[in-house]
């Protein structure tokens, strides 16, 4: 029995007829691409406007924050300010400690020279007409300008925290322990004790 169903391959081919699915067929793909290009252009334009709007929003927000900062930002500002103040205090304190350390090192190197001057003075070698008297005065003045203060003098009350008793001398003329002689002068640097004074202590006698 013959099959009368017509198949596509049985259709006669006409020269010049557009082929289905081929580029340019019926202009279907061309018309479809045009809306896509238009949509891309519109999207790009909208994107530019959105970017400009976002930048403006950021600028406006920044200006508002400067004019009227939030409580959170004020707290951050106070915290940063406090930290900076603490940093400055620590820096100043460290600088002062370092300055005092250097001064201590310098003065400790000069103390033996000061001791020699004291001995020379006790032996009468630093008379007013002596050249060494002027040098000694200048050196002592320079050391005092560094904040160094000598202490330890005959007649002052004995203080075991700043005096070192080399010898105790019973004396009827004193009622309390008193410095009778100074073997080595003591020195303060500011409130810091550089060296105790070595002294002879007069103590009340029993008789």
N, C-alpha and C. Protein backbone atom coordinates (compact mmCIF):
# COMPACT_ATOMS: atom_id res chain seq x y z
N UNK A 1 0.85 -1.18 0.00
CA UNK A 1 0.00 0.00 0.00
C UNK A 1 0.89 1.24 0.00
N UNK A 2 0.70 2.15 -0.88
CA UNK A 2 1.55 3.34 -1.04
C UNK A 2 1.28 4.35 0.07
N UNK A 3 2.38 4.98 0.61
CA UNK A 3 2.28 6.01 1.68
C UNK A 3 2.14 7.36 1.05
N UNK A 4 0.93 7.99 1.19
CA UNK A 4 0.65 9.29 0.57
C UNK A 4 1.11 10.48 1.41
N UNK A 5 1.69 10.20 2.64
CA UNK A 5 2.12 11.31 3.52
C UNK A 5 3.27 12.04 2.91
N UNK A 6 3.16 13.40 2.84
CA UNK A 6 4.21 14.21 2.26
C UNK A 6 5.25 14.57 3.33
N UNK A 7 6.48 14.43 2.95
CA UNK A 7 7.59 14.78 3.86
C UNK A 7 8.25 16.04 3.37
N UNK A 8 8.97 16.73 4.26
CA UNK A 8 9.60 17.99 3.86
C UNK A 8 10.55 17.82 2.71
N UNK A 9 11.20 16.66 2.66
CA UNK A 9 12.15 16.48 1.56
C UNK A 9 11.47 16.28 0.24
N UNK A 10 10.16 16.01 0.30
CA UNK A 10 9.42 15.82 -0.95
C UNK A 10 8.96 17.14 -1.54
N UNK A 11 9.01 18.28 -0.71
CA UNK A 11 8.57 19.57 -1.21
C UNK A 11 9.55 20.06 -2.24
N UNK A 12 9.10 20.66 -3.28
CA UNK A 12 9.99 21.18 -4.33
C UNK A 12 10.76 22.37 -3.80
N UNK A 13 12.06 22.47 -4.12
CA UNK A 13 12.93 23.55 -3.67
C UNK A 13 12.88 24.68 -4.66
N UNK A 14 12.55 25.88 -4.15
CA UNK A 14 12.50 27.04 -5.01
C UNK A 14 13.75 27.87 -4.77
N UNK A 15 14.42 28.15 -5.86
CA UNK A 15 15.67 28.91 -5.78
C UNK A 15 15.38 30.32 -5.28
N UNK A 16 16.17 30.77 -4.33
CA UNK A 16 16.01 32.11 -3.78
C UNK A 16 15.11 32.18 -2.59
N UNK A 17 14.48 31.07 -2.23
CA UNK A 17 13.60 31.07 -1.07
C UNK A 17 14.43 31.05 0.21
N UNK A 18 14.01 31.76 1.19
CA UNK A 18 14.80 31.77 2.45
C UNK A 18 14.73 30.43 3.16
N UNK A 19 15.83 30.04 3.69
CA UNK A 19 15.90 28.78 4.41
C UNK A 19 15.65 29.05 5.88
N UNK A 20 14.79 28.22 6.47
CA UNK A 20 14.42 28.41 7.88
C UNK A 20 15.61 28.21 8.79
N UNK A 21 15.80 29.14 9.71
CA UNK A 21 16.92 29.04 10.65
C UNK A 21 18.17 29.70 10.15
N UNK A 22 18.22 30.11 8.86
CA UNK A 22 19.43 30.73 8.33
C UNK A 22 19.47 32.19 8.73
N UNK A 23 20.70 32.78 8.81
CA UNK A 23 20.80 34.20 9.17
C UNK A 23 20.08 35.07 8.18
N UNK A 24 19.32 36.03 8.66
CA UNK A 24 18.57 36.93 7.79
C UNK A 24 17.25 36.40 7.36
N UNK A 25 16.90 35.20 7.82
CA UNK A 25 15.63 34.61 7.42
C UNK A 25 14.51 35.34 8.10
N UNK A 26 13.66 36.01 7.30
CA UNK A 26 12.47 36.69 7.80
C UNK A 26 12.82 37.86 8.70
N UNK A 27 14.16 38.17 8.87
CA UNK A 27 14.57 39.29 9.75
C UNK A 27 14.26 39.07 11.20
N UNK A 28 14.04 37.79 11.59
CA UNK A 28 13.61 37.51 12.96
C UNK A 28 14.73 37.83 13.96
N UNK A 29 15.99 37.37 13.65
CA UNK A 29 17.08 37.58 14.59
C UNK A 29 17.48 39.03 14.66
N UNK A 30 17.41 39.74 13.54
CA UNK A 30 17.76 41.15 13.52
C UNK A 30 16.84 41.96 14.40
N UNK A 31 15.52 41.66 14.29
CA UNK A 31 14.56 42.39 15.11
C UNK A 31 14.72 42.05 16.58
N UNK A 32 15.16 40.82 16.87
CA UNK A 32 15.35 40.42 18.26
C UNK A 32 16.56 41.10 18.87
N UNK A 33 17.59 41.36 18.04
CA UNK A 33 18.82 41.96 18.57
C UNK A 33 18.65 43.44 18.85
N UNK A 34 17.81 44.11 18.12
CA UNK A 34 17.64 45.54 18.29
C UNK A 34 17.15 45.90 19.69
N UNK A 35 16.12 45.22 20.21
CA UNK A 35 15.67 45.54 21.57
C UNK A 35 16.78 45.30 22.60
N UNK A 36 17.63 44.29 22.37
CA UNK A 36 18.70 43.98 23.31
C UNK A 36 19.69 45.12 23.40
N UNK A 37 20.10 45.70 22.24
CA UNK A 37 21.02 46.82 22.23
C UNK A 37 20.40 48.02 22.93
N UNK A 38 19.14 48.24 22.71
CA UNK A 38 18.44 49.35 23.35
C UNK A 38 18.39 49.17 24.86
N UNK A 39 18.16 47.93 25.29
CA UNK A 39 18.10 47.64 26.72
C UNK A 39 19.45 47.86 27.36
N UNK A 40 20.55 47.45 26.65
CA UNK A 40 21.89 47.66 27.20
C UNK A 40 22.20 49.13 27.35
N UNK A 41 21.82 49.91 26.34
CA UNK A 41 22.07 51.35 26.41
C UNK A 41 21.31 51.98 27.57
N UNK A 42 20.06 51.54 27.73
CA UNK A 42 19.26 52.08 28.84
C UNK A 42 19.86 51.68 30.18
N UNK A 43 20.34 50.42 30.30
CA UNK A 43 20.93 49.96 31.55
C UNK A 43 22.20 50.74 31.89
N UNK A 44 23.03 51.01 30.85
CA UNK A 44 24.25 51.78 31.07
C UNK A 44 23.93 53.18 31.56
N UNK A 45 22.97 53.80 30.96
CA UNK A 45 22.59 55.15 31.37
C UNK A 45 22.09 55.16 32.81
N UNK A 46 21.26 54.15 33.13
CA UNK A 46 20.76 54.10 34.49
C UNK A 46 21.90 53.85 35.47
N UNK A 47 22.88 53.04 35.07
CA UNK A 47 24.02 52.76 35.95
C UNK A 47 24.81 54.00 36.25
N UNK A 48 25.04 54.84 35.26
CA UNK A 48 25.79 56.08 35.46
C UNK A 48 25.05 56.98 36.44
N UNK A 49 23.74 57.08 36.25
CA UNK A 49 22.95 57.92 37.15
C UNK A 49 23.01 57.39 38.58
N UNK A 50 22.96 56.06 38.73
CA UNK A 50 23.02 55.48 40.07
C UNK A 50 24.37 55.75 40.72
N UNK A 51 25.46 55.65 39.95
CA UNK A 51 26.78 55.93 40.50
C UNK A 51 26.89 57.36 40.96
N UNK A 52 26.42 58.29 40.14
CA UNK A 52 26.48 59.69 40.51
C UNK A 52 25.64 59.96 41.75
N UNK A 53 24.52 59.31 41.84
CA UNK A 53 23.64 59.49 43.00
C UNK A 53 24.30 58.93 44.26
N UNK A 54 25.00 57.81 44.14
CA UNK A 54 25.66 57.20 45.30
C UNK A 54 26.78 58.09 45.81
N UNK A 55 27.58 58.64 44.94
CA UNK A 55 28.66 59.55 45.35
C UNK A 55 28.09 60.78 46.05
N UNK A 56 27.03 61.30 45.49
CA UNK A 56 26.40 62.48 46.09
C UNK A 56 25.86 62.15 47.47
N UNK A 57 25.27 60.95 47.59
CA UNK A 57 24.76 60.53 48.90
C UNK A 57 25.89 60.45 49.92
N UNK A 58 27.03 59.91 49.49
CA UNK A 58 28.17 59.79 50.40
C UNK A 58 28.66 61.16 50.84
N UNK A 59 28.75 62.08 49.88
CA UNK A 59 29.18 63.44 50.22
C UNK A 59 28.21 64.13 51.17
N UNK A 60 26.93 63.95 50.89
CA UNK A 60 25.93 64.55 51.77
C UNK A 60 26.02 63.97 53.18
N UNK A 61 26.18 62.63 53.24
CA UNK A 61 26.28 61.98 54.55
C UNK A 61 27.52 62.45 55.31
N UNK A 62 28.63 62.62 54.58
CA UNK A 62 29.86 63.10 55.22
C UNK A 62 29.68 64.51 55.76
N UNK A 63 29.04 65.36 54.98
CA UNK A 63 28.80 66.73 55.43
C UNK A 63 27.89 66.77 56.65
N UNK A 64 26.88 65.92 56.63
CA UNK A 64 25.97 65.87 57.79
C UNK A 64 26.72 65.37 59.03
N UNK A 65 27.64 64.41 58.81
CA UNK A 65 28.38 63.85 59.94
C UNK A 65 29.32 64.89 60.55
N UNK A 66 29.90 65.71 59.69
CA UNK A 66 30.78 66.77 60.18
C UNK A 66 29.97 67.81 60.95
N UNK A 67 28.82 68.15 60.41
CA UNK A 67 27.98 69.17 61.05
C UNK A 67 27.36 68.65 62.34
N UNK A 68 26.86 67.41 62.30
CA UNK A 68 26.19 66.83 63.46
C UNK A 68 26.66 65.38 63.62
N UNK A 69 27.86 65.17 64.24
CA UNK A 69 28.36 63.81 64.38
C UNK A 69 27.47 62.97 65.29
N UNK A 70 27.42 61.70 64.99
CA UNK A 70 26.61 60.79 65.79
C UNK A 70 27.29 60.53 67.12
N UNK A 71 26.53 60.03 68.07
CA UNK A 71 27.09 59.74 69.39
C UNK A 71 28.16 58.68 69.31
N UNK A 72 28.02 57.74 68.39
CA UNK A 72 29.03 56.69 68.24
C UNK A 72 30.36 57.28 67.78
N UNK A 73 30.30 58.18 66.79
CA UNK A 73 31.52 58.80 66.30
C UNK A 73 32.12 59.74 67.35
N UNK A 74 31.26 60.40 68.12
CA UNK A 74 31.79 61.24 69.20
C UNK A 74 32.54 60.40 70.22
N UNK A 75 32.00 59.22 70.52
CA UNK A 75 32.68 58.32 71.46
C UNK A 75 34.02 57.87 70.90
N UNK A 76 34.06 57.56 69.60
CA UNK A 76 35.32 57.17 68.97
C UNK A 76 36.33 58.31 69.02
N UNK A 77 35.85 59.54 68.77
CA UNK A 77 36.73 60.69 68.80
C UNK A 77 37.29 60.91 70.20
N UNK A 78 36.46 60.77 71.22
CA UNK A 78 36.92 60.93 72.59
C UNK A 78 37.94 59.86 72.95
N UNK A 79 37.69 58.63 72.48
CA UNK A 79 38.62 57.53 72.77
C UNK A 79 39.98 57.79 72.13
N UNK A 80 39.97 58.21 70.85
CA UNK A 80 41.22 58.49 70.16
C UNK A 80 41.96 59.65 70.82
N UNK A 81 41.21 60.68 71.23
CA UNK A 81 41.83 61.82 71.91
C UNK A 81 42.47 61.40 73.23
N UNK A 82 41.77 60.56 73.97
CA UNK A 82 42.31 60.08 75.25
C UNK A 82 43.56 59.23 75.03
N UNK A 83 43.53 58.38 74.01
CA UNK A 83 44.70 57.55 73.72
C UNK A 83 45.90 58.41 73.33
N UNK A 84 45.65 59.45 72.55
CA UNK A 84 46.74 60.33 72.15
C UNK A 84 47.31 61.09 73.35
N UNK A 85 46.42 61.53 74.24
CA UNK A 85 46.88 62.22 75.45
C UNK A 85 47.73 61.29 76.31
N UNK A 86 47.29 60.03 76.45
CA UNK A 86 48.08 59.07 77.22
C UNK A 86 49.43 58.80 76.57
N UNK A 87 49.41 58.74 75.22
CA UNK A 87 50.67 58.52 74.49
C UNK A 87 51.64 59.67 74.74
N UNK A 88 51.13 60.92 74.72
CA UNK A 88 52.00 62.07 74.97
C UNK A 88 52.56 62.05 76.39
N UNK A 89 51.69 61.67 77.35
CA UNK A 89 52.17 61.60 78.74
C UNK A 89 53.26 60.55 78.89
N UNK A 90 53.04 59.38 78.26
CA UNK A 90 54.06 58.32 78.35
C UNK A 90 55.36 58.77 77.69
N UNK A 91 55.24 59.46 76.56
CA UNK A 91 56.44 59.92 75.86
C UNK A 91 57.20 60.93 76.70
N UNK A 92 56.48 61.87 77.31
CA UNK A 92 57.13 62.87 78.15
C UNK A 92 57.77 62.22 79.37
N UNK A 93 57.06 61.23 79.96
CA UNK A 93 57.61 60.55 81.13
C UNK A 93 58.88 59.77 80.76
N UNK A 94 58.83 59.08 79.63
CA UNK A 94 60.01 58.33 79.18
C UNK A 94 61.17 59.26 78.87
N UNK A 95 60.86 60.41 78.28
CA UNK A 95 61.92 61.38 77.97
C UNK A 95 62.56 61.91 79.25
N UNK A 96 61.73 62.16 80.28
CA UNK A 96 62.25 62.65 81.55
C UNK A 96 63.10 61.59 82.23
N UNK A 97 62.65 60.34 82.18
CA UNK A 97 63.43 59.25 82.78
C UNK A 97 64.78 59.10 82.08
N UNK A 98 64.77 59.20 80.76
CA UNK A 98 66.01 59.07 80.01
C UNK A 98 66.95 60.24 80.30
N UNK A 99 66.39 61.45 80.40
CA UNK A 99 67.22 62.61 80.71
C UNK A 99 67.87 62.46 82.09
N UNK A 100 67.07 62.01 83.06
CA UNK A 100 67.60 61.83 84.41
C UNK A 100 68.66 60.73 84.45
N UNK A 101 68.44 59.66 83.65
CA UNK A 101 69.43 58.57 83.62
C UNK A 101 70.77 59.06 83.09
N UNK A 102 70.72 59.86 82.02
CA UNK A 102 71.96 60.41 81.45
C UNK A 102 72.63 61.33 82.45
N UNK A 103 71.83 62.16 83.14
CA UNK A 103 72.40 63.08 84.13
C UNK A 103 73.06 62.31 85.27
N UNK A 104 72.40 61.23 85.71
CA UNK A 104 72.96 60.41 86.78
C UNK A 104 74.31 59.84 86.37
N UNK A 105 74.39 59.35 85.14
CA UNK A 105 75.66 58.78 84.67
C UNK A 105 76.76 59.84 84.65
N UNK A 106 76.40 61.05 84.21
CA UNK A 106 77.40 62.13 84.16
C UNK A 106 77.85 62.51 85.57
N UNK A 107 76.88 62.69 86.47
CA UNK A 107 77.20 63.13 87.82
C UNK A 107 78.00 62.06 88.57
N UNK A 108 77.65 60.80 88.38
CA UNK A 108 78.40 59.74 89.06
C UNK A 108 79.87 59.75 88.64
N UNK A 109 80.10 60.15 87.39
CA UNK A 109 81.49 60.27 86.95
C UNK A 109 82.21 61.46 87.56
N UNK A 110 81.43 62.47 88.00
CA UNK A 110 82.03 63.68 88.59
C UNK A 110 82.15 63.60 90.10
N UNK A 111 81.44 62.69 90.74
CA UNK A 111 81.46 62.61 92.22
C UNK A 111 82.87 62.38 92.76
N UNK A 112 83.68 61.49 92.18
CA UNK A 112 85.05 61.35 92.69
C UNK A 112 85.86 62.64 92.61
N UNK A 113 85.61 63.44 91.58
CA UNK A 113 86.30 64.72 91.46
C UNK A 113 85.83 65.67 92.56
N UNK A 114 84.53 65.66 92.82
CA UNK A 114 84.00 66.50 93.90
C UNK A 114 84.57 66.07 95.25
N UNK A 115 84.74 64.76 95.43
CA UNK A 115 85.34 64.27 96.67
C UNK A 115 86.77 64.79 96.83
N UNK A 116 87.52 64.80 95.74
CA UNK A 116 88.90 65.32 95.79
C UNK A 116 88.91 66.80 96.14
N UNK A 117 87.94 67.54 95.60
CA UNK A 117 87.85 68.97 95.93
C UNK A 117 87.54 69.17 97.41
N UNK A 118 86.65 68.33 97.95
CA UNK A 118 86.31 68.45 99.38
C UNK A 118 87.55 68.16 100.24
N UNK A 119 88.33 67.17 99.87
CA UNK A 119 89.52 66.82 100.65
C UNK A 119 90.56 67.94 100.57
N UNK A 120 90.68 68.47 99.34
CA UNK A 120 91.64 69.57 99.18
C UNK A 120 91.23 70.78 100.00
N UNK A 121 89.89 71.02 100.05
CA UNK A 121 89.40 72.15 100.84
C UNK A 121 89.67 71.94 102.32
N UNK A 122 89.49 70.70 102.82
CA UNK A 122 89.74 70.42 104.23
C UNK A 122 91.21 70.58 104.59
N UNK A 123 92.07 70.30 103.61
CA UNK A 123 93.51 70.42 103.86
C UNK A 123 94.01 71.84 103.60
N UNK A 124 93.11 72.74 103.25
CA UNK A 124 93.52 74.12 103.05
C UNK A 124 94.16 74.40 101.72
N UNK A 125 93.95 73.52 100.75
CA UNK A 125 94.55 73.73 99.43
C UNK A 125 93.70 74.60 98.52
N UNK A 126 92.45 74.87 98.92
CA UNK A 126 91.58 75.71 98.08
C UNK A 126 91.37 77.06 98.71
N UNK A 127 92.45 77.78 98.90
CA UNK A 127 92.36 79.13 99.44
C UNK A 127 91.85 80.08 98.35
N UNK A 128 91.44 81.25 98.75
CA UNK A 128 90.85 82.21 97.81
C UNK A 128 91.84 82.63 96.72
N UNK A 129 93.12 82.69 97.05
CA UNK A 129 94.12 83.11 96.07
C UNK A 129 94.63 81.95 95.22
N UNK A 130 94.05 80.76 95.45
CA UNK A 130 94.49 79.60 94.68
C UNK A 130 93.73 79.53 93.37
N UNK A 131 94.44 79.11 92.31
CA UNK A 131 93.79 78.95 90.99
C UNK A 131 92.76 77.83 91.03
N UNK A 132 93.03 76.82 91.84
CA UNK A 132 92.11 75.69 91.93
C UNK A 132 90.79 76.07 92.61
N UNK A 133 90.81 77.11 93.41
CA UNK A 133 89.60 77.55 94.09
C UNK A 133 88.55 78.01 93.07
N UNK A 134 88.99 78.74 92.06
CA UNK A 134 88.06 79.21 91.02
C UNK A 134 87.52 78.04 90.21
N UNK A 135 88.39 77.09 89.88
CA UNK A 135 87.96 75.91 89.11
C UNK A 135 86.96 75.09 89.91
N UNK A 136 87.22 74.91 91.21
CA UNK A 136 86.32 74.14 92.06
C UNK A 136 84.95 74.79 92.14
N UNK A 137 84.93 76.12 92.27
CA UNK A 137 83.66 76.84 92.35
C UNK A 137 82.86 76.68 91.06
N UNK A 138 83.52 76.78 89.93
CA UNK A 138 82.83 76.62 88.64
C UNK A 138 82.28 75.21 88.48
N UNK A 139 83.07 74.21 88.87
CA UNK A 139 82.61 72.83 88.74
C UNK A 139 81.40 72.56 89.62
N UNK A 140 81.45 73.03 90.86
CA UNK A 140 80.33 72.82 91.78
C UNK A 140 79.07 73.53 91.29
N UNK A 141 79.24 74.73 90.73
CA UNK A 141 78.09 75.45 90.20
C UNK A 141 77.47 74.72 89.01
N UNK A 142 78.31 74.19 88.15
CA UNK A 142 77.81 73.46 86.97
C UNK A 142 77.06 72.20 87.39
N UNK A 143 77.56 71.52 88.40
CA UNK A 143 76.90 70.30 88.87
C UNK A 143 75.55 70.65 89.51
N UNK A 144 75.49 71.73 90.25
CA UNK A 144 74.24 72.13 90.87
C UNK A 144 73.20 72.52 89.83
N UNK A 145 73.63 73.08 88.70
CA UNK A 145 72.69 73.41 87.63
C UNK A 145 72.05 72.17 87.02
N UNK A 146 72.70 71.05 87.14
CA UNK A 146 72.13 69.78 86.65
C UNK A 146 71.06 69.25 87.60
N UNK A 147 70.88 69.91 88.73
CA UNK A 147 69.88 69.47 89.71
C UNK A 147 70.47 68.68 90.85
N UNK A 148 71.79 68.69 90.97
CA UNK A 148 72.47 67.93 92.02
C UNK A 148 72.59 68.81 93.27
N UNK A 149 72.22 68.24 94.42
CA UNK A 149 72.29 68.99 95.68
C UNK A 149 73.13 68.19 96.69
N UNK A 150 74.21 68.77 97.16
CA UNK A 150 75.02 68.09 98.18
C UNK A 150 74.36 68.20 99.55
N UNK A 151 74.60 67.25 100.39
CA UNK A 151 74.08 67.32 101.76
C UNK A 151 75.05 66.60 102.69
N UNK A 152 74.87 66.86 103.94
CA UNK A 152 75.77 66.31 104.95
C UNK A 152 76.61 67.42 105.53
N UNK A 153 76.23 67.88 106.72
CA UNK A 153 76.96 68.97 107.36
C UNK A 153 77.06 68.71 108.86
N UNK A 154 78.11 69.18 109.42
CA UNK A 154 78.31 69.01 110.86
C UNK A 154 77.21 69.74 111.62
N UNK A 155 76.62 69.05 112.60
CA UNK A 155 75.61 69.66 113.45
C UNK A 155 74.18 69.28 113.06
N UNK A 156 73.99 68.71 111.87
CA UNK A 156 72.62 68.34 111.47
C UNK A 156 72.24 67.02 112.12
N UNK A 157 70.95 66.79 112.37
CA UNK A 157 70.51 65.53 112.98
C UNK A 157 70.87 64.32 112.11
N UNK A 158 71.24 63.26 112.78
CA UNK A 158 71.59 62.03 112.06
C UNK A 158 70.32 61.36 111.54
N UNK A 159 70.31 61.02 110.25
CA UNK A 159 69.17 60.35 109.61
C UNK A 159 69.70 59.08 108.93
N UNK A 160 69.38 57.92 109.48
CA UNK A 160 69.94 56.68 108.92
C UNK A 160 69.51 56.40 107.48
N UNK A 161 68.47 57.09 107.00
CA UNK A 161 68.04 56.85 105.62
C UNK A 161 68.94 57.57 104.61
N UNK A 162 69.65 58.61 105.05
CA UNK A 162 70.52 59.34 104.12
C UNK A 162 71.96 59.44 104.64
N UNK A 163 72.19 59.03 105.88
CA UNK A 163 73.53 59.06 106.46
C UNK A 163 74.01 57.63 106.75
N UNK A 164 75.28 57.44 106.52
CA UNK A 164 75.91 56.16 106.89
C UNK A 164 76.90 56.45 108.01
N UNK A 165 76.63 55.83 109.15
CA UNK A 165 77.48 56.09 110.32
C UNK A 165 78.77 55.26 110.21
N UNK A 166 79.89 55.96 110.08
CA UNK A 166 81.19 55.29 110.03
C UNK A 166 81.71 55.02 111.44
N UNK A 167 81.39 55.94 112.33
CA UNK A 167 81.88 55.83 113.71
C UNK A 167 80.92 56.57 114.62
N UNK A 168 80.72 56.03 115.83
CA UNK A 168 79.88 56.71 116.84
C UNK A 168 80.78 57.26 117.94
N UNK A 169 80.57 58.53 118.23
CA UNK A 169 81.39 59.23 119.22
C UNK A 169 80.51 59.71 120.36
N UNK A 170 80.61 59.07 121.54
CA UNK A 170 79.83 59.55 122.70
C UNK A 170 80.23 60.98 123.05
N UNK A 171 79.21 61.83 123.18
CA UNK A 171 79.46 63.24 123.44
C UNK A 171 78.47 63.74 124.48
N UNK A 172 78.97 64.48 125.46
CA UNK A 172 78.11 64.98 126.53
C UNK A 172 77.32 66.20 126.10
N UNK A 173 77.74 66.83 125.02
CA UNK A 173 77.09 68.08 124.62
C UNK A 173 75.86 67.88 123.74
N UNK A 174 75.53 66.65 123.39
CA UNK A 174 74.39 66.42 122.49
C UNK A 174 73.34 65.60 123.21
N UNK A 175 72.09 65.87 122.87
CA UNK A 175 70.97 65.11 123.44
C UNK A 175 70.44 64.06 122.46
N UNK A 176 70.70 64.27 121.20
CA UNK A 176 70.28 63.30 120.18
C UNK A 176 71.46 62.99 119.27
N UNK A 177 71.30 61.98 118.46
CA UNK A 177 72.37 61.62 117.53
C UNK A 177 72.54 62.73 116.49
N UNK A 178 73.78 63.20 116.40
CA UNK A 178 74.08 64.37 115.57
C UNK A 178 75.32 64.09 114.73
N UNK A 179 75.35 64.64 113.52
CA UNK A 179 76.51 64.50 112.66
C UNK A 179 77.66 65.31 113.25
N UNK A 180 78.76 64.60 113.61
CA UNK A 180 79.92 65.28 114.20
C UNK A 180 80.97 65.59 113.16
N UNK A 181 81.04 64.81 112.09
CA UNK A 181 82.03 65.05 111.04
C UNK A 181 81.52 64.37 109.77
N UNK A 182 81.90 64.93 108.62
CA UNK A 182 81.47 64.38 107.33
C UNK A 182 82.69 63.81 106.62
N UNK A 183 82.66 62.52 106.39
CA UNK A 183 83.76 61.86 105.69
C UNK A 183 83.58 61.99 104.19
N UNK A 184 82.38 61.74 103.71
CA UNK A 184 82.03 61.91 102.30
C UNK A 184 80.67 62.60 102.20
N UNK A 185 80.64 63.61 101.37
CA UNK A 185 79.38 64.34 101.17
C UNK A 185 78.37 63.46 100.43
N UNK A 186 77.10 63.59 100.80
CA UNK A 186 76.04 62.89 100.08
C UNK A 186 75.46 63.78 98.99
N UNK A 187 74.76 63.15 98.03
CA UNK A 187 74.22 63.93 96.91
C UNK A 187 72.83 63.44 96.54
N UNK A 188 71.97 64.43 96.28
CA UNK A 188 70.65 64.19 95.72
C UNK A 188 70.64 64.67 94.28
N UNK A 189 69.89 63.97 93.44
CA UNK A 189 69.58 64.46 92.09
C UNK A 189 68.07 64.63 92.05
N UNK A 190 67.62 65.87 92.20
CA UNK A 190 66.18 66.07 92.36
C UNK A 190 65.75 65.45 93.67
N UNK A 191 64.83 64.50 93.59
CA UNK A 191 64.39 63.78 94.79
C UNK A 191 65.04 62.41 94.91
N UNK A 192 65.92 62.08 93.97
CA UNK A 192 66.58 60.77 93.98
C UNK A 192 67.90 60.85 94.74
N UNK A 193 68.12 59.86 95.58
CA UNK A 193 69.35 59.80 96.36
C UNK A 193 70.45 59.17 95.51
N UNK A 194 71.49 59.97 95.23
CA UNK A 194 72.63 59.44 94.46
C UNK A 194 73.60 58.69 95.36
N UNK A 195 73.89 59.29 96.52
CA UNK A 195 74.83 58.66 97.43
C UNK A 195 74.57 59.16 98.84
N UNK A 196 74.61 58.24 99.80
CA UNK A 196 74.44 58.64 101.19
C UNK A 196 75.71 59.35 101.66
N UNK A 197 75.56 60.13 102.69
CA UNK A 197 76.71 60.82 103.28
C UNK A 197 77.32 59.93 104.36
N UNK A 198 78.62 59.76 104.28
CA UNK A 198 79.34 58.98 105.29
C UNK A 198 79.80 59.94 106.39
N UNK A 199 79.35 59.66 107.62
CA UNK A 199 79.57 60.61 108.70
C UNK A 199 80.01 59.94 109.98
N UNK A 200 80.57 60.77 110.86
CA UNK A 200 80.82 60.39 112.25
C UNK A 200 79.65 60.92 113.06
N UNK A 201 79.07 60.02 113.86
CA UNK A 201 77.87 60.39 114.60
C UNK A 201 78.22 60.63 116.08
N UNK A 202 77.80 61.76 116.57
CA UNK A 202 77.89 62.05 117.98
C UNK A 202 76.63 61.55 118.68
N UNK A 203 76.84 60.72 119.70
CA UNK A 203 75.70 60.16 120.42
C UNK A 203 75.78 60.63 121.88
N UNK A 204 74.61 60.79 122.54
CA UNK A 204 74.64 61.22 123.95
C UNK A 204 75.42 60.22 124.82
N UNK A 205 76.26 60.76 125.70
CA UNK A 205 77.03 59.90 126.59
C UNK A 205 76.24 59.62 127.85
N UNK A 206 76.56 58.51 128.53
CA UNK A 206 75.84 58.15 129.74
C UNK A 206 76.29 58.98 130.93
N UNK A 207 77.49 59.48 130.87
CA UNK A 207 78.04 60.18 132.03
C UNK A 207 77.68 61.65 132.08
